[in-house]
Amino acid sequence: MGHGARTRRAALTAALLAVALTASLTAGCSGNGRNGEDGRAPRPTATPAPSRSAVAGSPLAVKIDNVRAARPHTGLGAADVVYVEQVEGGLSRLLAVYATRLPRTVGPVRSVRESDLELLRQFPLPTLAFSGAQRALLPLVDRAPLRARSPDEAPGAYHRGTGRAAPHNLYLRPAALLPAAPGRAALTTGFSYGPAPSGGTPVSARTVRYPAARLTFTWSAGRGGWLIAMDGEPAVTTDSGRPAPATVVVQYVRIRTSQYHDALGNRTPYTETVGSGRAEVLRDGRSFAGFWSRPAATDGTAFTTADGGRLDFAPGQVWVVLLPAP
């Protein structure tokens, strides 16, 4: 084979690998499930009726896509807490928790990760809405102390939207899973709310970065919150304009490699949210350095100032960015 032919063949092989890797990172995980991405075994097609016993103290948690093709989001404005997590390829994904309000629609919904199971143990039997999971992870999901509700368990709760391609077009109707919002008492996060502590550093904007994603939070006195930009573009929603959380937490955690991987062998990051570490709390246009502590998975997370005092959040929506510790 001539040198020119070998060069063309090598270039073609590299191009095909690049396309496959991009598809893998965008999808997050893949398998042979009914949704074509998550490998969940088929389940009965009847949608379970919303359980009133679960509503008494159980919030709804929804795993939400966060690549460019998934934006703008729907239903984020109604969330009480939004966690930002790292996934394969250095991208980010969201876990939105609803207790005081249930929006009409939430999405796009995507697949769950092992880290989510630990994070959600702070709540008593939460309902988890997700598109599916890697096949090897399914036994852990089934054994976790939560109400797992993917389209296989509750097909009537989901629909495919128009105007964007799968897998970025799966949406949830929360009312099909919970008859009503459980209320603020269901937010057993360990967060405390109240006046800001003394001190702090004035800050107009704060940018956080993952290997392949970034978020910028810019203080808006008019909104009383932090306007969000994702990958350099303003974050908007289809139903409630721009999110402006009153409090943003940068929580420095250990992120290690898990035993799970996507179809191309990219290992799934595991975000450890049990333990302790440094934190930065943004509220009222100021930055407060502090620490976080969560002794056990069934505990909430407490935040303290550098001198050990309670670090209260501003009333309103909270975004928690789980960032790799330096």
Protein backbone atom coordinates (compact mmCIF):
# COMPACT_ATOMS: atom_id res chain seq x y z
CA MET A 1 0.00 0.00 0.00
CA GLY A 2 1.37 3.45 -0.99
CA HIS A 3 2.08 6.25 1.41
CA GLY A 4 -0.86 8.33 0.11
CA ALA A 5 -3.34 5.48 0.57
CA ARG A 6 -2.12 4.82 4.11
CA THR A 7 -2.46 8.51 4.96
CA ARG A 8 -6.03 8.67 3.63
CA ARG A 9 -6.95 5.50 5.50
CA ALA A 10 -5.50 6.84 8.78
CA ALA A 11 -7.37 10.13 8.35
CA LEU A 12 -10.66 8.30 7.71
CA THR A 13 -10.17 6.13 10.79
CA ALA A 14 -9.45 9.17 12.98
CA ALA A 15 -12.54 10.97 11.66
CA LEU A 16 -14.78 8.00 12.41
CA LEU A 17 -13.40 7.72 15.95
CA ALA A 18 -13.99 11.43 16.53
CA VAL A 19 -17.61 11.18 15.41
CA ALA A 20 -18.21 8.16 17.65
CA LEU A 21 -16.64 9.85 20.67
CA THR A 22 -18.72 13.00 20.19
CA ALA A 23 -21.91 10.95 20.02
CA SER A 24 -20.93 9.07 23.15
CA LEU A 25 -20.24 12.20 25.17
CA THR A 26 -23.49 13.81 24.04
CA ALA A 27 -25.52 10.73 24.91
CA GLY A 28 -23.80 10.20 28.24
CA CYS A 29 -24.44 6.46 28.33
CA SER A 30 -25.89 3.95 25.94
CA GLY A 31 -27.46 0.54 25.90
CA ASN A 32 -30.34 -1.42 24.50
CA GLY A 33 -33.25 -0.01 26.45
CA ARG A 34 -36.58 1.00 25.01
CA ASN A 35 -35.41 4.64 24.80
CA GLY A 36 -32.41 3.63 22.74
CA GLU A 37 -29.87 5.02 25.24
CA ASP A 38 -30.12 3.53 28.69
CA GLY A 39 -30.39 -0.24 28.64
CA ARG A 40 -33.36 -0.55 30.98
CA ALA A 41 -35.28 -3.77 30.60
CA PRO A 42 -38.92 -3.41 29.46
CA ARG A 43 -41.41 -2.98 32.29
CA PRO A 44 -45.24 -3.11 32.42
CA THR A 45 -46.76 -0.31 30.36
CA ALA A 46 -49.34 0.82 32.93
CA THR A 47 -48.44 4.06 34.69
CA PRO A 48 -48.60 3.69 38.50
CA ALA A 49 -51.04 6.05 40.18
CA PRO A 50 -49.34 8.81 42.19
CA SER A 51 -48.80 7.62 45.76
CA ARG A 52 -50.20 9.95 48.42
CA SER A 53 -48.08 8.25 51.09
CA ALA A 54 -44.94 9.25 49.19
CA VAL A 55 -46.04 12.87 49.01
CA ALA A 56 -46.06 13.33 52.79
CA GLY A 57 -42.32 13.81 53.01
CA SER A 58 -40.80 12.89 49.67
CA PRO A 59 -39.59 15.34 47.02
CA LEU A 60 -39.35 14.76 43.30
CA ALA A 61 -35.86 14.62 41.79
CA VAL A 62 -35.41 14.85 38.02
CA LYS A 63 -32.19 14.13 36.12
CA ILE A 64 -31.87 16.80 33.42
CA ASP A 65 -29.75 16.97 30.29
CA ASN A 66 -27.32 19.90 30.05
CA VAL A 67 -25.48 19.72 26.72
CA ARG A 68 -26.04 22.55 24.24
CA ALA A 69 -28.55 20.49 22.23
CA ALA A 70 -30.73 20.13 25.35
CA ARG A 71 -31.20 23.85 25.94
CA PRO A 72 -33.32 25.78 26.67
CA HIS A 73 -34.57 23.78 29.64
CA THR A 74 -38.14 23.52 30.86
CA GLY A 75 -39.27 23.60 34.49
CA LEU A 76 -35.98 24.61 36.13
CA GLY A 77 -37.43 27.79 37.59
CA ALA A 78 -39.74 25.82 39.91
CA ALA A 79 -36.97 23.68 41.43
CA ASP A 80 -36.02 24.31 45.04
CA VAL A 81 -32.50 22.94 44.62
CA VAL A 82 -30.48 22.27 41.46
CA TYR A 83 -27.31 20.18 41.67
CA VAL A 84 -24.72 20.46 38.89
CA GLU A 85 -22.65 17.31 38.41
CA GLN A 86 -19.81 16.18 36.17
CA VAL A 87 -20.46 13.28 33.78
CA GLU A 88 -18.51 11.50 31.06
CA GLY A 89 -16.29 13.58 28.81
CA GLY A 90 -16.08 16.40 31.35
CA LEU A 91 -19.63 17.56 30.54
CA SER A 92 -22.24 18.51 33.14
CA ARG A 93 -25.71 17.30 34.00
CA LEU A 94 -28.35 18.61 36.42
CA LEU A 95 -30.37 17.03 39.22
CA ALA A 96 -33.35 19.24 40.05
CA VAL A 97 -35.28 18.73 43.30
CA TYR A 98 -38.91 19.83 43.65
CA ALA A 99 -40.76 20.12 46.95
CA THR A 100 -42.67 23.41 47.15
CA ARG A 101 -43.88 23.59 43.53
CA LEU A 102 -44.41 21.12 40.70
CA PRO A 103 -44.10 22.61 37.21
CA ARG A 104 -46.34 21.39 34.43
CA THR A 105 -43.37 19.97 32.49
CA VAL A 106 -39.69 19.27 33.22
CA GLY A 107 -36.92 18.37 30.84
CA PRO A 108 -35.17 17.22 28.85
CA VAL A 109 -34.88 14.18 31.11
CA ARG A 110 -31.76 12.02 30.91
CA SER A 111 -30.13 9.04 32.58
CA VAL A 112 -29.14 8.56 36.20
CA ARG A 113 -25.62 8.04 37.58
CA GLU A 114 -24.35 6.08 40.56
CA SER A 115 -23.50 9.30 42.40
CA ASP A 116 -27.16 10.33 42.34
CA LEU A 117 -28.15 7.38 44.50
CA GLU A 118 -25.86 8.54 47.31
CA LEU A 119 -26.87 12.18 46.92
CA LEU A 120 -30.58 11.34 47.13
CA ARG A 121 -30.29 9.31 50.33
CA GLN A 122 -30.60 12.59 52.24
CA PHE A 123 -34.33 12.47 51.40
CA PRO A 124 -36.85 9.91 52.75
CA LEU A 125 -37.95 7.78 49.78
CA PRO A 126 -37.74 10.44 47.05
CA THR A 127 -39.26 9.92 43.63
CA LEU A 128 -36.54 9.86 40.96
CA ALA A 129 -37.50 10.65 37.37
CA PHE A 130 -34.90 9.62 34.79
CA SER A 131 -34.69 8.27 31.26
CA GLY A 132 -32.84 5.08 32.21
CA ALA A 133 -29.40 3.89 33.28
CA GLN A 134 -26.46 1.82 32.20
CA ARG A 135 -27.52 -1.81 32.37
CA ALA A 136 -24.92 -2.75 34.97
CA LEU A 137 -26.18 0.05 37.24
CA LEU A 138 -29.84 -1.05 37.19
CA PRO A 139 -29.58 -3.46 40.16
CA LEU A 140 -28.28 -0.60 42.33
CA VAL A 141 -31.11 1.66 41.19
CA ASP A 142 -33.67 -1.03 41.98
CA ARG A 143 -32.22 -1.58 45.48
CA ALA A 144 -31.87 2.12 46.32
CA PRO A 145 -34.31 3.60 48.89
CA LEU A 146 -36.23 5.65 46.35
CA ARG A 147 -39.17 5.41 43.94
CA ALA A 148 -37.51 4.91 40.55
CA ARG A 149 -39.78 6.16 37.77
CA SER A 150 -38.31 5.95 34.28
CA PRO A 151 -40.45 5.75 31.11
CA ASP A 152 -40.41 1.97 31.56
CA GLU A 153 -42.16 2.17 34.96
CA ALA A 154 -44.32 5.19 34.11
CA PRO A 155 -44.66 5.65 30.34
CA GLY A 156 -47.73 7.85 30.71
CA ALA A 157 -45.69 10.40 32.66
CA TYR A 158 -43.36 11.13 29.74
CA HIS A 159 -43.62 12.44 26.22
CA ARG A 160 -41.28 13.28 23.36
CA GLY A 161 -41.19 16.94 22.44
CA THR A 162 -40.97 18.32 18.93
CA GLY A 163 -38.35 20.63 17.54
CA ARG A 164 -35.27 18.77 18.73
CA ALA A 165 -33.84 15.30 18.16
CA ALA A 166 -33.73 12.39 20.60
CA PRO A 167 -32.32 11.85 23.15
CA HIS A 168 -32.67 15.56 24.01
CA ASN A 169 -36.47 15.69 23.76
CA LEU A 170 -37.84 13.54 26.61
CA TYR A 171 -40.08 15.48 29.01
CA LEU A 172 -41.79 14.63 32.30
CA ARG A 173 -45.25 15.60 33.55
CA PRO A 174 -44.62 15.72 37.33
CA ALA A 175 -48.33 15.53 38.17
CA ALA A 176 -48.34 12.00 36.78
CA LEU A 177 -45.89 10.94 39.51
CA LEU A 178 -46.95 13.08 42.48
CA PRO A 179 -50.47 14.38 43.07
CA ALA A 180 -49.15 17.49 44.82
CA ALA A 181 -45.93 19.13 45.95
CA PRO A 182 -44.91 17.68 49.35
CA GLY A 183 -43.91 21.03 50.83
CA ARG A 184 -40.77 22.58 52.28
CA ALA A 185 -40.54 20.00 55.07
CA ALA A 186 -39.51 17.46 52.43
CA LEU A 187 -36.27 19.39 51.77
CA THR A 188 -34.11 17.52 54.26
CA THR A 189 -30.97 18.95 52.69
CA GLY A 190 -29.41 20.25 55.90
CA PHE A 191 -29.33 23.78 54.47
CA SER A 192 -30.08 26.69 56.80
CA TYR A 193 -31.60 29.99 55.70
CA GLY A 194 -31.35 33.43 57.22
CA PRO A 195 -29.40 36.68 57.15
CA ALA A 196 -25.98 36.73 55.57
CA PRO A 197 -22.99 36.37 57.91
CA SER A 198 -20.71 39.32 58.41
CA GLY A 199 -17.84 39.87 56.06
CA GLY A 200 -17.67 38.27 52.66
CA THR A 201 -16.11 39.61 49.49
CA PRO A 202 -18.10 41.64 46.94
CA VAL A 203 -18.26 39.78 43.65
CA SER A 204 -20.11 40.63 40.46
CA ALA A 205 -19.61 37.29 38.69
CA ARG A 206 -18.17 33.84 39.35
CA THR A 207 -17.24 31.28 36.70
CA VAL A 208 -16.81 27.57 37.44
CA ARG A 209 -15.35 25.09 34.98
CA TYR A 210 -15.51 21.39 34.26
CA PRO A 211 -13.20 19.84 31.65
CA ALA A 212 -15.78 20.39 28.87
CA ALA A 213 -18.35 22.76 30.39
CA ARG A 214 -18.50 26.05 32.26
CA LEU A 215 -21.10 28.06 34.15
CA THR A 216 -21.01 31.75 35.04
CA PHE A 217 -23.16 33.27 37.78
CA THR A 218 -23.62 37.06 37.55
CA TRP A 219 -25.21 39.02 40.39
CA SER A 220 -28.41 40.89 39.53
CA ALA A 221 -29.56 43.28 42.22
CA GLY A 222 -32.81 43.77 40.30
CA ARG A 223 -33.59 40.05 40.41
CA GLY A 224 -32.06 39.48 43.82
CA GLY A 225 -30.22 36.49 42.44
CA TRP A 226 -27.51 35.18 40.17
CA LEU A 227 -28.16 35.12 36.43
CA ILE A 228 -26.70 31.98 34.86
CA ALA A 229 -24.73 31.54 31.68
CA MET A 230 -23.86 28.07 30.37
CA ASP A 231 -20.90 27.66 28.06
CA GLY A 232 -20.89 31.41 27.44
CA GLU A 233 -24.59 31.79 26.60
CA PRO A 234 -27.41 33.05 28.88
CA ALA A 235 -29.37 30.21 30.43
CA VAL A 236 -33.08 30.57 29.73
CA THR A 237 -36.11 28.36 30.22
CA THR A 238 -39.09 27.86 27.95
CA ASP A 239 -41.61 28.56 30.71
CA SER A 240 -40.15 31.01 33.24
CA GLY A 241 -37.43 33.13 31.64
CA ARG A 242 -33.92 33.24 33.08
CA PRO A 243 -33.24 31.35 36.32
CA ALA A 244 -31.78 33.57 39.06
CA PRO A 245 -31.04 31.49 42.17
CA ALA A 246 -30.74 33.49 45.37
CA THR A 247 -27.84 31.31 46.51
CA VAL A 248 -25.12 29.53 44.56
CA VAL A 249 -22.86 27.06 46.33
CA VAL A 250 -19.53 25.92 44.92
CA GLN A 251 -18.96 22.69 46.84
CA TYR A 252 -15.49 21.20 46.39
CA VAL A 253 -15.71 17.41 46.38
CA ARG A 254 -13.68 14.37 45.42
CA ILE A 255 -14.56 13.05 41.98
CA ARG A 256 -13.18 9.60 41.26
CA THR A 257 -13.56 7.07 38.48
CA SER A 258 -16.40 4.58 38.98
CA GLN A 259 -16.62 1.00 37.71
CA TYR A 260 -19.27 2.00 35.16
CA HIS A 261 -18.66 3.26 31.64
CA ASP A 262 -20.44 4.25 28.45
CA ALA A 263 -20.58 2.32 25.17
CA LEU A 264 -17.11 3.48 24.12
CA GLY A 265 -15.53 2.63 27.45
CA ASN A 266 -15.41 6.18 28.87
CA ARG A 267 -15.50 5.77 32.62
CA THR A 268 -18.30 7.47 34.56
CA PRO A 269 -17.16 9.93 37.24
CA TYR A 270 -18.34 9.26 40.79
CA THR A 271 -18.96 12.42 42.81
CA GLU A 272 -18.49 11.87 46.55
CA THR A 273 -20.96 13.98 48.52
CA VAL A 274 -20.43 12.28 51.89
CA GLY A 275 -17.52 13.69 53.85
CA SER A 276 -16.32 17.26 54.26
CA GLY A 277 -14.42 19.94 52.41
CA ARG A 278 -14.21 23.55 51.35
CA ALA A 279 -17.11 25.54 49.95
CA GLU A 280 -17.88 28.97 48.58
CA VAL A 281 -21.34 30.45 49.07
CA LEU A 282 -22.55 33.25 46.80
CA ARG A 283 -25.45 35.36 48.05
CA ASP A 284 -26.47 39.02 48.07
CA GLY A 285 -23.69 39.93 45.65
CA ARG A 286 -20.98 38.61 47.95
CA SER A 287 -18.80 35.52 48.26
CA PHE A 288 -18.37 33.72 51.58
CA ALA A 289 -15.64 31.13 52.13
CA GLY A 290 -16.62 28.20 54.28
CA PHE A 291 -16.81 24.47 54.73
CA TRP A 292 -19.32 21.68 54.13
CA SER A 293 -19.93 18.53 56.15
CA ARG A 294 -22.11 15.49 55.51
CA PRO A 295 -21.14 12.68 57.91
CA ALA A 296 -23.40 10.01 56.41
CA ALA A 297 -25.45 9.48 53.25
CA THR A 298 -28.69 9.79 55.22
CA ASP A 299 -27.62 13.20 56.54
CA GLY A 300 -28.09 16.56 54.94
CA THR A 301 -25.13 18.85 54.24
CA ALA A 302 -24.25 21.56 56.76
CA PHE A 303 -22.33 24.67 55.71
CA THR A 304 -20.25 26.71 58.13
CA THR A 305 -18.16 29.86 57.94
CA ALA A 306 -14.38 29.82 58.24
CA ASP A 307 -14.68 30.44 62.00
CA GLY A 308 -17.23 27.64 62.50
CA GLY A 309 -20.42 29.70 62.54
CA ARG A 310 -23.55 28.76 60.61
CA LEU A 311 -23.46 29.85 56.97
CA ASP A 312 -27.06 30.65 56.11
CA PHE A 313 -28.43 30.75 52.57
CA ALA A 314 -30.70 33.45 51.18
CA PRO A 315 -34.36 32.39 50.92
CA GLY A 316 -35.16 31.10 47.45
CA GLN A 317 -33.72 28.72 44.90
CA VAL A 318 -30.31 27.17 45.54
CA TRP A 319 -27.84 25.88 42.94
CA VAL A 320 -25.09 23.58 44.19
CA VAL A 321 -22.14 23.13 41.83
CA LEU A 322 -20.25 19.95 42.75
CA LEU A 323 -16.76 20.84 41.60
CA PRO A 324 -13.57 18.78 41.78
CA ALA A 325 -11.47 19.81 44.75
CA PRO A 326 -8.17 21.49 43.78
